[in-house]
């Protein structure tokens, strides 16, 4: 009875082998889930980087907005531009509707992050405007 039965050793080795195979399969499934999660995260990071480049580049926003405000239809609109650390505030106390339409058409079709937009009608042909564009 002091001897170990070789059949018991063989059964133990088979059980250890089956356990190892099950653990390996579970690890493979976990790896495939991690890979798919990584691909989704990478795609999201690429999208966020593109959005950051388009909407939150201070110099790009200032250059595009300056180009829009230099249009001949907007020069006579008396638009006041205040630049702060994180935004630009455009305001006008008396802007005609044609200039307002031109400004909003250009700004809304561009890639700006508009955090505040207030338009108040003053008369048939005039309005007041306050717009904050952040980066």
C-alpha atoms as a PDB file:
ATOM      1  CA  UNK A   1       0.000   0.000   0.000  1.00  0.00           C
ATOM      2  CA  UNK A   2       2.957   2.337   0.101  1.00  0.00           C
ATOM      3  CA  UNK A   3       3.122   2.492  -3.665  1.00  0.00           C
ATOM      4  CA  UNK A   4       1.155   5.055  -5.708  1.00  0.00           C
ATOM      5  CA  UNK A   5      -1.041   3.488  -8.305  1.00  0.00           C
ATOM      6  CA  UNK A   6       0.009   4.604 -11.844  1.00  0.00           C
ATOM      7  CA  UNK A   7      -3.664   4.729 -12.872  1.00  0.00           C
ATOM      8  CA  UNK A   8      -4.280   7.415 -10.246  1.00  0.00           C
ATOM      9  CA  UNK A   9      -1.343   9.417 -11.591  1.00  0.00           C
ATOM     10  CA  UNK A  10      -2.645   9.093 -15.154  1.00  0.00           C
ATOM     11  CA  UNK A  11      -6.141  10.191 -14.108  1.00  0.00           C
ATOM     12  CA  UNK A  12      -4.653  13.158 -12.214  1.00  0.00           C
ATOM     13  CA  UNK A  13      -2.625  14.182 -15.290  1.00  0.00           C
ATOM     14  CA  UNK A  14      -5.711  13.915 -17.511  1.00  0.00           C
ATOM     15  CA  UNK A  15      -7.737  16.049 -15.064  1.00  0.00           C
ATOM     16  CA  UNK A  16      -4.934  18.658 -14.954  1.00  0.00           C
ATOM     17  CA  UNK A  17      -4.794  18.620 -18.773  1.00  0.00           C
ATOM     18  CA  UNK A  18      -8.569  19.136 -19.086  1.00  0.00           C
ATOM     19  CA  UNK A  19      -8.467  21.935 -16.494  1.00  0.00           C
ATOM     20  CA  UNK A  20      -5.618  23.628 -18.401  1.00  0.00           C
ATOM     21  CA  UNK A  21      -7.502  23.363 -21.701  1.00  0.00           C
ATOM     22  CA  UNK A  22     -10.623  24.922 -20.147  1.00  0.00           C
ATOM     23  CA  UNK A  23      -8.575  27.773 -18.662  1.00  0.00           C
ATOM     24  CA  UNK A  24      -6.836  28.322 -22.011  1.00  0.00           C
ATOM     25  CA  UNK A  25     -10.172  28.530 -23.851  1.00  0.00           C
ATOM     26  CA  UNK A  26     -11.499  31.004 -21.274  1.00  0.00           C
ATOM     27  CA  UNK A  27      -8.335  33.100 -21.683  1.00  0.00           C
ATOM     28  CA  UNK A  28      -8.750  33.039 -25.490  1.00  0.00           C
ATOM     29  CA  UNK A  29     -12.343  34.267 -25.197  1.00  0.00           C
ATOM     30  CA  UNK A  30     -11.274  37.006 -22.796  1.00  0.00           C
ATOM     31  CA  UNK A  31      -8.511  38.033 -25.208  1.00  0.00           C
ATOM     32  CA  UNK A  32     -10.933  38.246 -28.130  1.00  0.00           C
ATOM     33  CA  UNK A  33     -13.302  40.388 -26.021  1.00  0.00           C
ATOM     34  CA  UNK A  34     -10.408  42.626 -25.030  1.00  0.00           C
ATOM     35  CA  UNK A  35      -9.371  42.977 -28.693  1.00  0.00           C
ATOM     36  CA  UNK A  36     -12.878  43.961 -29.771  1.00  0.00           C
ATOM     37  CA  UNK A  37     -13.127  46.415 -26.891  1.00  0.00           C
ATOM     38  CA  UNK A  38      -9.755  47.879 -27.904  1.00  0.00           C
ATOM     39  CA  UNK A  39     -10.932  48.309 -31.501  1.00  0.00           C
ATOM     40  CA  UNK A  40     -14.074  50.132 -30.338  1.00  0.00           C
ATOM     41  CA  UNK A  41     -12.039  52.355 -28.017  1.00  0.00           C
ATOM     42  CA  UNK A  42      -9.559  53.107 -30.782  1.00  0.00           C
ATOM     43  CA  UNK A  43     -12.362  54.074 -33.183  1.00  0.00           C
ATOM     44  CA  UNK A  44     -13.886  56.330 -30.532  1.00  0.00           C
ATOM     45  CA  UNK A  45     -10.498  57.929 -29.825  1.00  0.00           C
ATOM     46  CA  UNK A  46     -10.006  58.645 -33.533  1.00  0.00           C
ATOM     47  CA  UNK A  47     -13.457  60.274 -33.712  1.00  0.00           C
ATOM     48  CA  UNK A  48     -12.809  62.361 -30.599  1.00  0.00           C
ATOM     49  CA  UNK A  49      -9.422  63.452 -31.917  1.00  0.00           C
ATOM     50  CA  UNK A  50     -11.027  64.559 -35.179  1.00  0.00           C
ATOM     51  CA  UNK A  51     -13.720  66.472 -33.313  1.00  0.00           C
ATOM     52  CA  UNK A  52     -11.126  68.091 -31.084  1.00  0.00           C
ATOM     53  CA  UNK A  53      -9.107  69.176 -34.109  1.00  0.00           C
ATOM     54  CA  UNK A  54     -12.178  70.666 -35.801  1.00  0.00           C
ATOM     55  CA  UNK A  55     -13.983  72.315 -32.904  1.00  0.00           C
ATOM     56  CA  UNK A  56     -11.397  73.129 -30.255  1.00  0.00           C
ATOM     57  CA  UNK A  57      -8.445  74.600 -32.155  1.00  0.00           C
ATOM     58  CA  UNK A  58      -8.201  78.209 -30.984  1.00  0.00           C
ATOM     59  CA  UNK A  59      -6.229  79.547 -33.948  1.00  0.00           C
ATOM     60  CA  UNK A  60      -8.428  77.802 -36.508  1.00  0.00           C
ATOM     61  CA  UNK A  61     -11.590  79.159 -34.904  1.00  0.00           C
ATOM     62  CA  UNK A  62     -10.190  82.695 -34.763  1.00  0.00           C
ATOM     63  CA  UNK A  63      -8.953  82.595 -38.367  1.00  0.00           C
ATOM     64  CA  UNK A  64     -12.222  81.250 -39.767  1.00  0.00           C
ATOM     65  CA  UNK A  65     -14.288  83.694 -37.735  1.00  0.00           C
ATOM     66  CA  UNK A  66     -12.061  86.589 -38.818  1.00  0.00           C
ATOM     67  CA  UNK A  67     -12.504  85.573 -42.442  1.00  0.00           C
ATOM     68  CA  UNK A  68     -16.283  85.477 -41.988  1.00  0.00           C
ATOM     69  CA  UNK A  69     -16.380  88.882 -40.282  1.00  0.00           C
ATOM     70  CA  UNK A  70     -14.305  90.479 -43.089  1.00  0.00           C
ATOM     71  CA  UNK A  71     -17.099  89.822 -45.591  1.00  0.00           C
ATOM     72  CA  UNK A  72     -18.394  93.098 -47.088  1.00  0.00           C
ATOM     73  CA  UNK A  73     -21.957  92.409 -45.933  1.00  0.00           C
ATOM     74  CA  UNK A  74     -20.814  92.127 -42.316  1.00  0.00           C
ATOM     75  CA  UNK A  75     -18.414  95.093 -42.089  1.00  0.00           C
ATOM     76  CA  UNK A  76     -21.243  97.603 -41.758  1.00  0.00           C
ATOM     77  CA  UNK A  77     -23.072  95.537 -39.129  1.00  0.00           C
ATOM     78  CA  UNK A  78     -21.026  96.933 -36.201  1.00  0.00           C
ATOM     79  CA  UNK A  79     -20.262  93.492 -34.780  1.00  0.00           C
ATOM     80  CA  UNK A  80     -18.157  93.700 -31.627  1.00  0.00           C
ATOM     81  CA  UNK A  81     -15.768  90.795 -31.115  1.00  0.00           C
ATOM     82  CA  UNK A  82     -14.481  90.106 -27.589  1.00  0.00           C
ATOM     83  CA  UNK A  83     -11.828  87.416 -27.223  1.00  0.00           C
ATOM     84  CA  UNK A  84     -11.393  85.726 -23.854  1.00  0.00           C
ATOM     85  CA  UNK A  85      -9.301  82.797 -22.691  1.00  0.00           C
ATOM     86  CA  UNK A  86     -11.743  80.113 -23.782  1.00  0.00           C
ATOM     87  CA  UNK A  87     -14.217  81.801 -26.122  1.00  0.00           C
ATOM     88  CA  UNK A  88     -15.112  84.596 -28.508  1.00  0.00           C
ATOM     89  CA  UNK A  89     -18.213  86.693 -27.915  1.00  0.00           C
ATOM     90  CA  UNK A  90     -19.799  88.385 -30.915  1.00  0.00           C
ATOM     91  CA  UNK A  91     -22.375  91.038 -30.194  1.00  0.00           C
ATOM     92  CA  UNK A  92     -24.232  93.710 -32.059  1.00  0.00           C
ATOM     93  CA  UNK A  93     -26.899  96.003 -30.716  1.00  0.00           C
ATOM     94  CA  UNK A  94     -28.336  96.863 -34.121  1.00  0.00           C
ATOM     95  CA  UNK A  95     -27.716  94.473 -37.017  1.00  0.00           C
ATOM     96  CA  UNK A  96     -29.871  94.383 -40.131  1.00  0.00           C
ATOM     97  CA  UNK A  97     -31.553  91.100 -41.023  1.00  0.00           C
ATOM     98  CA  UNK A  98     -29.581  90.594 -44.238  1.00  0.00           C
ATOM     99  CA  UNK A  99     -26.269  90.811 -42.391  1.00  0.00           C
ATOM    100  CA  UNK A 100     -27.645  88.594 -39.600  1.00  0.00           C
ATOM    101  CA  UNK A 101     -28.748  86.011 -42.158  1.00  0.00           C
ATOM    102  CA  UNK A 102     -25.320  86.096 -43.809  1.00  0.00           C
ATOM    103  CA  UNK A 103     -23.515  85.764 -40.487  1.00  0.00           C
ATOM    104  CA  UNK A 104     -25.654  82.897 -39.224  1.00  0.00           C
ATOM    105  CA  UNK A 105     -25.469  81.123 -42.571  1.00  0.00           C
ATOM    106  CA  UNK A 106     -21.670  81.201 -42.515  1.00  0.00           C
ATOM    107  CA  UNK A 107     -21.265  80.423 -38.804  1.00  0.00           C
ATOM    108  CA  UNK A 108     -23.797  77.609 -38.642  1.00  0.00           C
ATOM    109  CA  UNK A 109     -22.370  75.896 -41.725  1.00  0.00           C
ATOM    110  CA  UNK A 110     -18.831  76.007 -40.335  1.00  0.00           C
ATOM    111  CA  UNK A 111     -17.404  73.876 -37.540  1.00  0.00           C
ATOM    112  CA  UNK A 112     -17.855  76.063 -34.480  1.00  0.00           C
ATOM    113  CA  UNK A 113     -18.925  75.142 -30.964  1.00  0.00           C
ATOM    114  CA  UNK A 114     -21.637  77.723 -30.296  1.00  0.00           C
ATOM    115  CA  UNK A 115     -22.426  77.717 -26.596  1.00  0.00           C
ATOM    116  CA  UNK A 116     -24.780  80.693 -26.560  1.00  0.00           C
ATOM    117  CA  UNK A 117     -26.887  82.371 -29.227  1.00  0.00           C
ATOM    118  CA  UNK A 118     -29.347  85.132 -28.419  1.00  0.00           C
ATOM    119  CA  UNK A 119     -31.198  87.044 -31.121  1.00  0.00           C
ATOM    120  CA  UNK A 120     -33.778  89.655 -30.280  1.00  0.00           C
ATOM    121  CA  UNK A 121     -35.905  91.327 -32.923  1.00  0.00           C
ATOM    122  CA  UNK A 122     -35.855  95.109 -32.571  1.00  0.00           C
ATOM    123  CA  UNK A 123     -37.878  96.092 -35.635  1.00  0.00           C
ATOM    124  CA  UNK A 124     -38.895  94.774 -39.046  1.00  0.00           C
ATOM    125  CA  UNK A 125     -35.345  95.086 -40.392  1.00  0.00           C
ATOM    126  CA  UNK A 126     -33.119  95.139 -37.305  1.00  0.00           C
ATOM    127  CA  UNK A 127     -32.186  92.795 -34.483  1.00  0.00           C
ATOM    128  CA  UNK A 128     -29.681  92.486 -31.662  1.00  0.00           C
ATOM    129  CA  UNK A 129     -27.278  89.581 -31.471  1.00  0.00           C
ATOM    130  CA  UNK A 130     -25.133  87.895 -28.845  1.00  0.00           C
ATOM    131  CA  UNK A 131     -23.197  84.757 -29.754  1.00  0.00           C
ATOM    132  CA  UNK A 132     -20.515  82.911 -27.783  1.00  0.00           C
ATOM    133  CA  UNK A 133     -18.210  80.535 -29.610  1.00  0.00           C
ATOM    134  CA  UNK A 134     -15.983  78.328 -27.455  1.00  0.00           C
ATOM    135  CA  UNK A 135     -12.928  76.247 -28.205  1.00  0.00           C
END
